[in-house]
């Protein structure tokens, strides 16, 4: 699979069914030869309105399934809140 194949997929959170966006980038571990995380741009808790330019970085371990058109991830609300508070436990935001 090519990186460009990932960039056309929607990212859906299976916990609440919300679309988080599309993958814009991948974080790679070149030493281990693996993908560490996917990056979803302009994530906003306000349904994409008033986007603050943040990116949501979702660790590979949170990916449940990669389908033909979507990537299903499991992110609990507390993980998104911690990310919003800049706690790097599960997911992170970056500007």
PDB file of N, CA and C in Angstrom:
ATOM      1  N   UNK A   1       0.842  -1.177   0.000  1.00  0.00           N
ATOM      2  CA  UNK A   1       0.000   0.000   0.000  1.00  0.00           C
ATOM      3  C   UNK A   1       0.890   1.244   0.000  1.00  0.00           C
ATOM      4  N   UNK A   2       0.524   2.233  -0.804  1.00  0.00           N
ATOM      5  CA  UNK A   2       1.286   3.473  -0.897  1.00  0.00           C
ATOM      6  C   UNK A   2       0.729   4.523   0.071  1.00  0.00           C
ATOM      7  N   UNK A   3       1.555   5.479   0.433  1.00  0.00           N
ATOM      8  CA  UNK A   3       1.106   6.568   1.305  1.00  0.00           C
ATOM      9  C   UNK A   3      -0.073   7.291   0.683  1.00  0.00           C
ATOM     10  N   UNK A   4      -0.041   7.487  -0.625  1.00  0.00           N
ATOM     11  CA  UNK A   4      -1.145   8.186  -1.292  1.00  0.00           C
ATOM     12  C   UNK A   4      -2.461   7.418  -1.160  1.00  0.00           C
ATOM     13  N   UNK A   5      -2.404   6.104  -0.994  1.00  0.00           N
ATOM     14  CA  UNK A   5      -3.622   5.316  -0.771  1.00  0.00           C
ATOM     15  C   UNK A   5      -4.257   5.667   0.572  1.00  0.00           C
ATOM     16  N   UNK A   6      -3.444   5.937   1.573  1.00  0.00           N
ATOM     17  CA  UNK A   6      -3.960   6.325   2.887  1.00  0.00           C
ATOM     18  C   UNK A   6      -4.627   7.693   2.843  1.00  0.00           C
ATOM     19  N   UNK A   7      -4.086   8.599   2.055  1.00  0.00           N
ATOM     20  CA  UNK A   7      -4.556   9.978   2.063  1.00  0.00           C
ATOM     21  C   UNK A   7      -5.954  10.157   1.494  1.00  0.00           C
ATOM     22  N   UNK A   8      -6.499   9.160   0.852  1.00  0.00           N
ATOM     23  CA  UNK A   8      -7.855   9.265   0.315  1.00  0.00           C
ATOM     24  C   UNK A   8      -8.890   8.648   1.248  1.00  0.00           C
ATOM     25  N   UNK A   9      -8.455   8.110   2.363  1.00  0.00           N
ATOM     26  CA  UNK A   9      -9.369   7.417   3.274  1.00  0.00           C
ATOM     27  C   UNK A   9      -9.882   8.348   4.374  1.00  0.00           C
ATOM     28  N   UNK A  10     -11.174   8.199   4.685  1.00  0.00           N
ATOM     29  CA  UNK A  10     -11.759   8.909   5.813  1.00  0.00           C
ATOM     30  C   UNK A  10     -11.407   8.169   7.096  1.00  0.00           C
ATOM     31  N   UNK A  11     -11.215   8.915   8.169  1.00  0.00           N
ATOM     32  CA  UNK A  11     -10.945   8.326   9.478  1.00  0.00           C
ATOM     33  C   UNK A  11     -12.210   8.463  10.319  1.00  0.00           C
ATOM     34  N   UNK A  12     -12.726   7.325  10.789  1.00  0.00           N
ATOM     35  CA  UNK A  12     -13.963   7.276  11.557  1.00  0.00           C
ATOM     36  C   UNK A  12     -13.668   6.697  12.936  1.00  0.00           C
ATOM     37  N   UNK A  13     -14.174   7.386  13.970  1.00  0.00           N
ATOM     38  CA  UNK A  13     -14.035   6.899  15.339  1.00  0.00           C
ATOM     39  C   UNK A  13     -15.192   5.943  15.625  1.00  0.00           C
ATOM     40  N   UNK A  14     -14.894   4.678  15.923  1.00  0.00           N
ATOM     41  CA  UNK A  14     -15.945   3.687  16.141  1.00  0.00           C
ATOM     42  C   UNK A  14     -16.669   3.889  17.465  1.00  0.00           C
ATOM     43  N   UNK A  15     -16.117   4.665  18.366  1.00  0.00           N
ATOM     44  CA  UNK A  15     -16.762   4.891  19.660  1.00  0.00           C
ATOM     45  C   UNK A  15     -18.032   5.720  19.494  1.00  0.00           C
ATOM     46  N   UNK A  16     -17.960   6.773  18.673  1.00  0.00           N
ATOM     47  CA  UNK A  16     -19.120   7.649  18.503  1.00  0.00           C
ATOM     48  C   UNK A  16     -19.587   7.782  17.052  1.00  0.00           C
ATOM     49  N   UNK A  17     -18.898   7.132  16.124  1.00  0.00           N
ATOM     50  CA  UNK A  17     -19.292   7.162  14.721  1.00  0.00           C
ATOM     51  C   UNK A  17     -18.939   8.433  13.985  1.00  0.00           C
ATOM     52  N   UNK A  18     -18.195   9.334  14.617  1.00  0.00           N
ATOM     53  CA  UNK A  18     -17.867  10.615  13.996  1.00  0.00           C
ATOM     54  C   UNK A  18     -16.698  10.497  13.027  1.00  0.00           C
ATOM     55  N   UNK A  19     -16.816  11.257  11.947  1.00  0.00           N
ATOM     56  CA  UNK A  19     -15.716  11.365  10.988  1.00  0.00           C
ATOM     57  C   UNK A  19     -14.714  12.372  11.538  1.00  0.00           C
ATOM     58  N   UNK A  20     -13.470  11.942  11.662  1.00  0.00           N
ATOM     59  CA  UNK A  20     -12.425  12.814  12.187  1.00  0.00           C
ATOM     60  C   UNK A  20     -11.727  13.591  11.081  1.00  0.00           C
ATOM     61  N   UNK A  21     -11.849  13.129   9.855  1.00  0.00           N
ATOM     62  CA  UNK A  21     -11.193  13.781   8.721  1.00  0.00           C
ATOM     63  C   UNK A  21     -10.524  12.748   7.839  1.00  0.00           C
ATOM     64  N   UNK A  22      -9.624  13.221   6.991  1.00  0.00           N
ATOM     65  CA  UNK A  22      -8.849  12.324   6.139  1.00  0.00           C
ATOM     66  C   UNK A  22      -7.390  12.360   6.562  1.00  0.00           C
ATOM     67  N   UNK A  23      -6.705  11.284   6.319  1.00  0.00           N
ATOM     68  CA  UNK A  23      -5.292  11.188   6.671  1.00  0.00           C
ATOM     69  C   UNK A  23      -4.496  12.134   5.787  1.00  0.00           C
ATOM     70  N   UNK A  24      -3.661  12.944   6.425  1.00  0.00           N
ATOM     71  CA  UNK A  24      -2.810  13.849   5.656  1.00  0.00           C
ATOM     72  C   UNK A  24      -1.358  13.398   5.644  1.00  0.00           C
ATOM     73  N   UNK A  25      -0.982  12.630   6.669  1.00  0.00           N
ATOM     74  CA  UNK A  25       0.416  12.262   6.791  1.00  0.00           C
ATOM     75  C   UNK A  25       0.540  11.024   7.662  1.00  0.00           C
ATOM     76  N   UNK A  26       1.699  10.427   7.624  1.00  0.00           N
ATOM     77  CA  UNK A  26       2.028   9.287   8.468  1.00  0.00           C
ATOM     78  C   UNK A  26       3.287   9.612   9.246  1.00  0.00           C
ATOM     79  N   UNK A  27       3.356   9.163  10.477  1.00  0.00           N
ATOM     80  CA  UNK A  27       4.594   9.250  11.239  1.00  0.00           C
ATOM     81  C   UNK A  27       5.259   7.887  11.164  1.00  0.00           C
ATOM     82  N   UNK A  28       6.498   7.885  10.725  1.00  0.00           N
ATOM     83  CA  UNK A  28       7.222   6.640  10.495  1.00  0.00           C
ATOM     84  C   UNK A  28       8.347   6.452  11.495  1.00  0.00           C
ATOM     85  N   UNK A  29       8.602   5.210  11.850  1.00  0.00           N
ATOM     86  CA  UNK A  29       9.779   4.832  12.614  1.00  0.00           C
ATOM     87  C   UNK A  29      10.718   4.170  11.608  1.00  0.00           C
ATOM     88  N   UNK A  30      11.656   4.933  11.091  1.00  0.00           N
ATOM     89  CA  UNK A  30      12.528   4.427  10.035  1.00  0.00           C
ATOM     90  C   UNK A  30      13.460   3.329  10.531  1.00  0.00           C
ATOM     91  N   UNK A  31      13.855   3.388  11.802  1.00  0.00           N
ATOM     92  CA  UNK A  31      14.737   2.353  12.344  1.00  0.00           C
ATOM     93  C   UNK A  31      14.031   1.004  12.408  1.00  0.00           C
ATOM     94  N   UNK A  32      12.761   1.023  12.802  1.00  0.00           N
ATOM     95  CA  UNK A  32      11.992  -0.218  12.924  1.00  0.00           C
ATOM     96  C   UNK A  32      11.260  -0.579  11.633  1.00  0.00           C
ATOM     97  N   UNK A  33      11.169   0.377  10.699  1.00  0.00           N
ATOM     98  CA  UNK A  33      10.485   0.120   9.439  1.00  0.00           C
ATOM     99  C   UNK A  33       8.984  -0.042   9.590  1.00  0.00           C
ATOM    100  N   UNK A  34       8.365   0.829  10.409  1.00  0.00           N
ATOM    101  CA  UNK A  34       6.918   0.708  10.634  1.00  0.00           C
ATOM    102  C   UNK A  34       6.269   2.086  10.752  1.00  0.00           C
ATOM    103  N   UNK A  35       4.951   2.081  10.648  1.00  0.00           N
ATOM    104  CA  UNK A  35       4.172   3.302  10.827  1.00  0.00           C
ATOM    105  C   UNK A  35       3.859   3.444  12.310  1.00  0.00           C
ATOM    106  N   UNK A  36       4.181   4.602  12.883  1.00  0.00           N
ATOM    107  CA  UNK A  36       3.891   4.854  14.294  1.00  0.00           C
ATOM    108  C   UNK A  36       2.521   5.481  14.507  1.00  0.00           C
ATOM    109  N   UNK A  37       2.109   6.349  13.574  1.00  0.00           N
ATOM    110  CA  UNK A  37       0.854   7.083  13.771  1.00  0.00           C
ATOM    111  C   UNK A  37       0.349   7.620  12.438  1.00  0.00           C
ATOM    112  N   UNK A  38      -0.949   7.929  12.425  1.00  0.00           N
ATOM    113  CA  UNK A  38      -1.532   8.642  11.295  1.00  0.00           C
ATOM    114  C   UNK A  38      -1.861  10.058  11.754  1.00  0.00           C
ATOM    115  N   UNK A  39      -1.861  10.990  10.823  1.00  0.00           N
ATOM    116  CA  UNK A  39      -2.115  12.389  11.151  1.00  0.00           C
ATOM    117  C   UNK A  39      -3.366  12.839  10.405  1.00  0.00           C
ATOM    118  N   UNK A  40      -4.309  13.416  11.155  1.00  0.00           N
ATOM    119  CA  UNK A  40      -5.539  13.959  10.589  1.00  0.00           C
ATOM    120  C   UNK A  40      -5.504  15.475  10.797  1.00  0.00           C
ATOM    121  N   UNK A  41      -5.527  16.263   9.712  1.00  0.00           N
ATOM    122  CA  UNK A  41      -5.386  17.717   9.847  1.00  0.00           C
ATOM    123  C   UNK A  41      -6.671  18.410  10.263  1.00  0.00           C
ATOM    124  N   UNK A  42      -6.489  19.607  10.819  1.00  0.00           N
ATOM    125  CA  UNK A  42      -7.596  20.522  11.115  1.00  0.00           C
ATOM    126  C   UNK A  42      -8.700  19.895  11.931  1.00  0.00           C
ATOM    127  N   UNK A  43      -8.333  19.019  12.860  1.00  0.00           N
ATOM    128  CA  UNK A  43      -9.325  18.402  13.727  1.00  0.00           C
ATOM    129  C   UNK A  43      -9.857  19.451  14.683  1.00  0.00           C
ATOM    130  N   UNK A  44     -11.159  19.491  14.847  1.00  0.00           N
ATOM    131  CA  UNK A  44     -11.784  20.426  15.786  1.00  0.00           C
ATOM    132  C   UNK A  44     -12.918  19.711  16.493  1.00  0.00           C
ATOM    133  N   UNK A  45     -13.083  19.978  17.776  1.00  0.00           N
ATOM    134  CA  UNK A  45     -14.176  19.368  18.516  1.00  0.00           C
ATOM    135  C   UNK A  45     -15.517  19.981  18.118  1.00  0.00           C
ATOM    136  N   UNK A  46     -15.506  21.099  17.416  1.00  0.00           N
ATOM    137  CA  UNK A  46     -16.739  21.781  17.033  1.00  0.00           C
ATOM    138  C   UNK A  46     -17.159  21.415  15.615  1.00  0.00           C
ATOM    139  N   UNK A  47     -17.156  20.137  15.304  1.00  0.00           N
ATOM    140  CA  UNK A  47     -17.637  19.615  14.025  1.00  0.00           C
ATOM    141  C   UNK A  47     -16.931  20.239  12.835  1.00  0.00           C
ATOM    142  N   UNK A  48     -15.658  20.561  12.991  1.00  0.00           N
ATOM    143  CA  UNK A  48     -14.908  21.128  11.886  1.00  0.00           C
ATOM    144  C   UNK A  48     -15.112  22.618  11.703  1.00  0.00           C
ATOM    145  N   UNK A  49     -16.027  23.212  12.457  1.00  0.00           N
ATOM    146  CA  UNK A  49     -16.234  24.656  12.370  1.00  0.00           C
ATOM    147  C   UNK A  49     -15.192  25.362  13.218  1.00  0.00           C
ATOM    148  N   UNK A  50     -14.790  26.501  12.786  1.00  0.00           N
ATOM    149  CA  UNK A  50     -13.818  27.297  13.531  1.00  0.00           C
ATOM    150  C   UNK A  50     -12.545  26.510  13.802  1.00  0.00           C
ATOM    151  N   UNK A  51     -12.075  25.797  12.807  1.00  0.00           N
ATOM    152  CA  UNK A  51     -10.882  24.970  12.955  1.00  0.00           C
ATOM    153  C   UNK A  51      -9.694  25.793  13.385  1.00  0.00           C
ATOM    154  N   UNK A  52      -8.915  25.246  14.272  1.00  0.00           N
ATOM    155  CA  UNK A  52      -7.782  25.986  14.822  1.00  0.00           C
ATOM    156  C   UNK A  52      -6.471  25.600  14.172  1.00  0.00           C
ATOM    157  N   UNK A  53      -6.508  24.789  13.131  1.00  0.00           N
ATOM    158  CA  UNK A  53      -5.278  24.408  12.457  1.00  0.00           C
ATOM    159  C   UNK A  53      -4.520  23.299  13.153  1.00  0.00           C
ATOM    160  N   UNK A  54      -5.150  22.658  14.129  1.00  0.00           N
ATOM    161  CA  UNK A  54      -4.495  21.564  14.834  1.00  0.00           C
ATOM    162  C   UNK A  54      -4.537  20.292  14.010  1.00  0.00           C
ATOM    163  N   UNK A  55      -3.571  19.444  14.260  1.00  0.00           N
ATOM    164  CA  UNK A  55      -3.554  18.114  13.670  1.00  0.00           C
ATOM    165  C   UNK A  55      -3.736  17.103  14.790  1.00  0.00           C
ATOM    166  N   UNK A  56      -4.503  16.086  14.519  1.00  0.00           N
ATOM    167  CA  UNK A  56      -4.713  15.003  15.464  1.00  0.00           C
ATOM    168  C   UNK A  56      -3.778  13.868  15.072  1.00  0.00           C
ATOM    169  N   UNK A  57      -2.883  13.489  15.977  1.00  0.00           N
ATOM    170  CA  UNK A  57      -1.936  12.407  15.727  1.00  0.00           C
ATOM    171  C   UNK A  57      -2.448  11.166  16.459  1.00  0.00           C
ATOM    172  N   UNK A  58      -2.811  10.149  15.680  1.00  0.00           N
ATOM    173  CA  UNK A  58      -3.433   8.944  16.227  1.00  0.00           C
ATOM    174  C   UNK A  58      -2.429   7.791  16.158  1.00  0.00           C
ATOM    175  N   UNK A  59      -2.023   7.252  17.308  1.00  0.00           N
ATOM    176  CA  UNK A  59      -1.074   6.139  17.309  1.00  0.00           C
ATOM    177  C   UNK A  59      -1.616   4.919  16.557  1.00  0.00           C
ATOM    178  N   UNK A  60      -0.723   4.186  15.952  1.00  0.00           N
ATOM    179  CA  UNK A  60      -1.085   2.998  15.170  1.00  0.00           C
ATOM    180  C   UNK A  60      -1.893   2.005  15.996  1.00  0.00           C
ATOM    181  N   UNK A  61      -1.600   1.900  17.290  1.00  0.00           N
ATOM    182  CA  UNK A  61      -2.306   0.940  18.151  1.00  0.00           C
ATOM    183  C   UNK A  61      -3.799   1.254  18.274  1.00  0.00           C
ATOM    184  N   UNK A  62      -4.215   2.468  17.945  1.00  0.00           N
ATOM    185  CA  UNK A  62      -5.619   2.841  18.026  1.00  0.00           C
ATOM    186  C   UNK A  62      -6.388   2.527  16.740  1.00  0.00           C
ATOM    187  N   UNK A  63      -5.703   2.056  15.719  1.00  0.00           N
ATOM    188  CA  UNK A  63      -6.366   1.698  14.465  1.00  0.00           C
ATOM    189  C   UNK A  63      -6.974   0.308  14.608  1.00  0.00           C
ATOM    190  N   UNK A  64      -8.263   0.221  14.308  1.00  0.00           N
ATOM    191  CA  UNK A  64      -8.991  -1.036  14.440  1.00  0.00           C
ATOM    192  C   UNK A  64      -9.018  -1.791  13.115  1.00  0.00           C
ATOM    193  N   UNK A  65      -9.277  -1.074  12.016  1.00  0.00           N
ATOM    194  CA  UNK A  65      -9.427  -1.718  10.713  1.00  0.00           C
ATOM    195  C   UNK A  65      -9.140  -0.702   9.614  1.00  0.00           C
ATOM    196  N   UNK A  66      -8.460  -1.162   8.574  1.00  0.00           N
ATOM    197  CA  UNK A  66      -8.233  -0.344   7.387  1.00  0.00           C
ATOM    198  C   UNK A  66      -9.028  -0.970   6.264  1.00  0.00           C
ATOM    199  N   UNK A  67     -10.042  -0.235   5.794  1.00  0.00           N
ATOM    200  CA  UNK A  67     -10.893  -0.728   4.721  1.00  0.00           C
ATOM    201  C   UNK A  67     -10.549  -0.068   3.399  1.00  0.00           C
ATOM    202  N   UNK A  68     -11.363  -0.315   2.396  1.00  0.00           N
ATOM    203  CA  UNK A  68     -11.131   0.239   1.062  1.00  0.00           C
ATOM    204  C   UNK A  68     -11.275   1.755   1.045  1.00  0.00           C
ATOM    205  N   UNK A  69     -12.225   2.279   1.830  1.00  0.00           N
ATOM    206  CA  UNK A  69     -12.500   3.716   1.822  1.00  0.00           C
ATOM    207  C   UNK A  69     -12.293   4.401   3.159  1.00  0.00           C
ATOM    208  N   UNK A  70     -12.216   3.636   4.238  1.00  0.00           N
ATOM    209  CA  UNK A  70     -12.131   4.236   5.568  1.00  0.00           C
ATOM    210  C   UNK A  70     -11.079   3.557   6.434  1.00  0.00           C
ATOM    211  N   UNK A  71     -10.651   4.298   7.439  1.00  0.00           N
ATOM    212  CA  UNK A  71      -9.809   3.760   8.501  1.00  0.00           C
ATOM    213  C   UNK A  71     -10.613   3.920   9.785  1.00  0.00           C
ATOM    214  N   UNK A  72     -10.876   2.801  10.452  1.00  0.00           N
ATOM    215  CA  UNK A  72     -11.621   2.837  11.705  1.00  0.00           C
ATOM    216  C   UNK A  72     -10.639   2.902  12.864  1.00  0.00           C
ATOM    217  N   UNK A  73     -10.870   3.865  13.751  1.00  0.00           N
ATOM    218  CA  UNK A  73     -10.016   4.030  14.926  1.00  0.00           C
ATOM    219  C   UNK A  73     -10.886   3.991  16.172  1.00  0.00           C
ATOM    220  N   UNK A  74     -10.264   3.664  17.284  1.00  0.00           N
ATOM    221  CA  UNK A  74     -10.982   3.649  18.558  1.00  0.00           C
ATOM    222  C   UNK A  74     -10.349   4.687  19.470  1.00  0.00           C
ATOM    223  N   UNK A  75     -11.085   5.796  19.632  1.00  0.00           N
ATOM    224  CA  UNK A  75     -10.634   6.878  20.502  1.00  0.00           C
ATOM    225  C   UNK A  75     -11.748   7.204  21.477  1.00  0.00           C
ATOM    226  N   UNK A  76     -11.508   6.950  22.739  1.00  0.00           N
ATOM    227  CA  UNK A  76     -12.489   7.287  23.767  1.00  0.00           C
ATOM    228  C   UNK A  76     -12.485   8.802  23.973  1.00  0.00           C
ATOM    229  N   UNK A  77     -13.583   9.322  24.489  1.00  0.00           N
ATOM    230  CA  UNK A  77     -13.701  10.767  24.696  1.00  0.00           C
ATOM    231  C   UNK A  77     -12.585  11.295  25.598  1.00  0.00           C
ATOM    232  N   UNK A  78     -12.226  10.533  26.636  1.00  0.00           N
ATOM    233  CA  UNK A  78     -11.178  11.004  27.543  1.00  0.00           C
ATOM    234  C   UNK A  78      -9.824  11.106  26.833  1.00  0.00           C
ATOM    235  N   UNK A  79      -9.597  10.276  25.817  1.00  0.00           N
ATOM    236  CA  UNK A  79      -8.347  10.361  25.057  1.00  0.00           C
ATOM    237  C   UNK A  79      -8.312  11.655  24.243  1.00  0.00           C
ATOM    238  N   UNK A  80      -9.449  12.020  23.662  1.00  0.00           N
ATOM    239  CA  UNK A  80      -9.508  13.270  22.903  1.00  0.00           C
ATOM    240  C   UNK A  80      -9.365  14.473  23.828  1.00  0.00           C
ATOM    241  N   UNK A  81      -9.949  14.403  25.015  1.00  0.00           N
ATOM    242  CA  UNK A  81      -9.823  15.498  25.974  1.00  0.00           C
ATOM    243  C   UNK A  81      -8.385  15.640  26.444  1.00  0.00           C
ATOM    244  N   UNK A  82      -7.719  14.519  26.711  1.00  0.00           N
ATOM    245  CA  UNK A  82      -6.321  14.576  27.127  1.00  0.00           C
ATOM    246  C   UNK A  82      -5.455  15.153  26.015  1.00  0.00           C
ATOM    247  N   UNK A  83      -5.775  14.788  24.785  1.00  0.00           N
ATOM    248  CA  UNK A  83      -5.027  15.336  23.654  1.00  0.00           C
ATOM    249  C   UNK A  83      -5.226  16.842  23.580  1.00  0.00           C
ATOM    250  N   UNK A  84      -6.434  17.285  23.835  1.00  0.00           N
ATOM    251  CA  UNK A  84      -6.738  18.704  23.797  1.00  0.00           C
ATOM    252  C   UNK A  84      -6.000  19.454  24.904  1.00  0.00           C
ATOM    253  N   UNK A  85      -5.723  18.757  25.987  1.00  0.00           N
ATOM    254  CA  UNK A  85      -5.000  19.354  27.116  1.00  0.00           C
ATOM    255  C   UNK A  85      -3.494  19.149  26.991  1.00  0.00           C
ATOM    256  N   UNK A  86      -3.037  18.668  25.825  1.00  0.00           N
ATOM    257  CA  UNK A  86      -1.617  18.442  25.530  1.00  0.00           C
ATOM    258  C   UNK A  86      -1.002  17.353  26.387  1.00  0.00           C
ATOM    259  N   UNK A  87      -1.775  16.379  26.786  1.00  0.00           N
ATOM    260  CA  UNK A  87      -1.271  15.207  27.482  1.00  0.00           C
ATOM    261  C   UNK A  87      -1.036  14.146  26.414  1.00  0.00           C
ATOM    262  N   UNK A  88       0.147  13.617  26.315  1.00  0.00           N
ATOM    263  CA  UNK A  88       0.500  12.736  25.209  1.00  0.00           C
ATOM    264  C   UNK A  88       0.250  11.258  25.496  1.00  0.00           C
ATOM    265  N   UNK A  89      -0.718  10.937  26.330  1.00  0.00           N
ATOM    266  CA  UNK A  89      -0.939   9.542  26.686  1.00  0.00           C
ATOM    267  C   UNK A  89      -1.374   8.678  25.502  1.00  0.00           C
ATOM    268  N   UNK A  90      -2.351   9.127  24.720  1.00  0.00           N
ATOM    269  CA  UNK A  90      -2.815   8.268  23.625  1.00  0.00           C
ATOM    270  C   UNK A  90      -2.788   8.973  22.296  1.00  0.00           C
ATOM    271  N   UNK A  91      -3.418  10.104  22.214  1.00  0.00           N
ATOM    272  CA  UNK A  91      -3.419  10.884  20.981  1.00  0.00           C
ATOM    273  C   UNK A  91      -2.932  12.281  21.310  1.00  0.00           C
ATOM    274  N   UNK A  92      -2.421  12.970  20.327  1.00  0.00           N
ATOM    275  CA  UNK A  92      -1.919  14.314  20.579  1.00  0.00           C
ATOM    276  C   UNK A  92      -2.398  15.255  19.483  1.00  0.00           C
ATOM    277  N   UNK A  93      -2.423  16.515  19.841  1.00  0.00           N
ATOM    278  CA  UNK A  93      -2.648  17.571  18.874  1.00  0.00           C
ATOM    279  C   UNK A  93      -1.322  18.248  18.631  1.00  0.00           C
ATOM    280  N   UNK A  94      -1.127  18.721  17.419  1.00  0.00           N
ATOM    281  CA  UNK A  94       0.028  19.545  17.160  1.00  0.00           C
ATOM    282  C   UNK A  94      -0.384  20.649  16.212  1.00  0.00           C
ATOM    283  N   UNK A  95       0.256  21.778  16.347  1.00  0.00           N
ATOM    284  CA  UNK A  95      -0.093  22.931  15.508  1.00  0.00           C
ATOM    285  C   UNK A  95       0.882  23.099  14.376  1.00  0.00           C
TER     286      UNK A  95
END
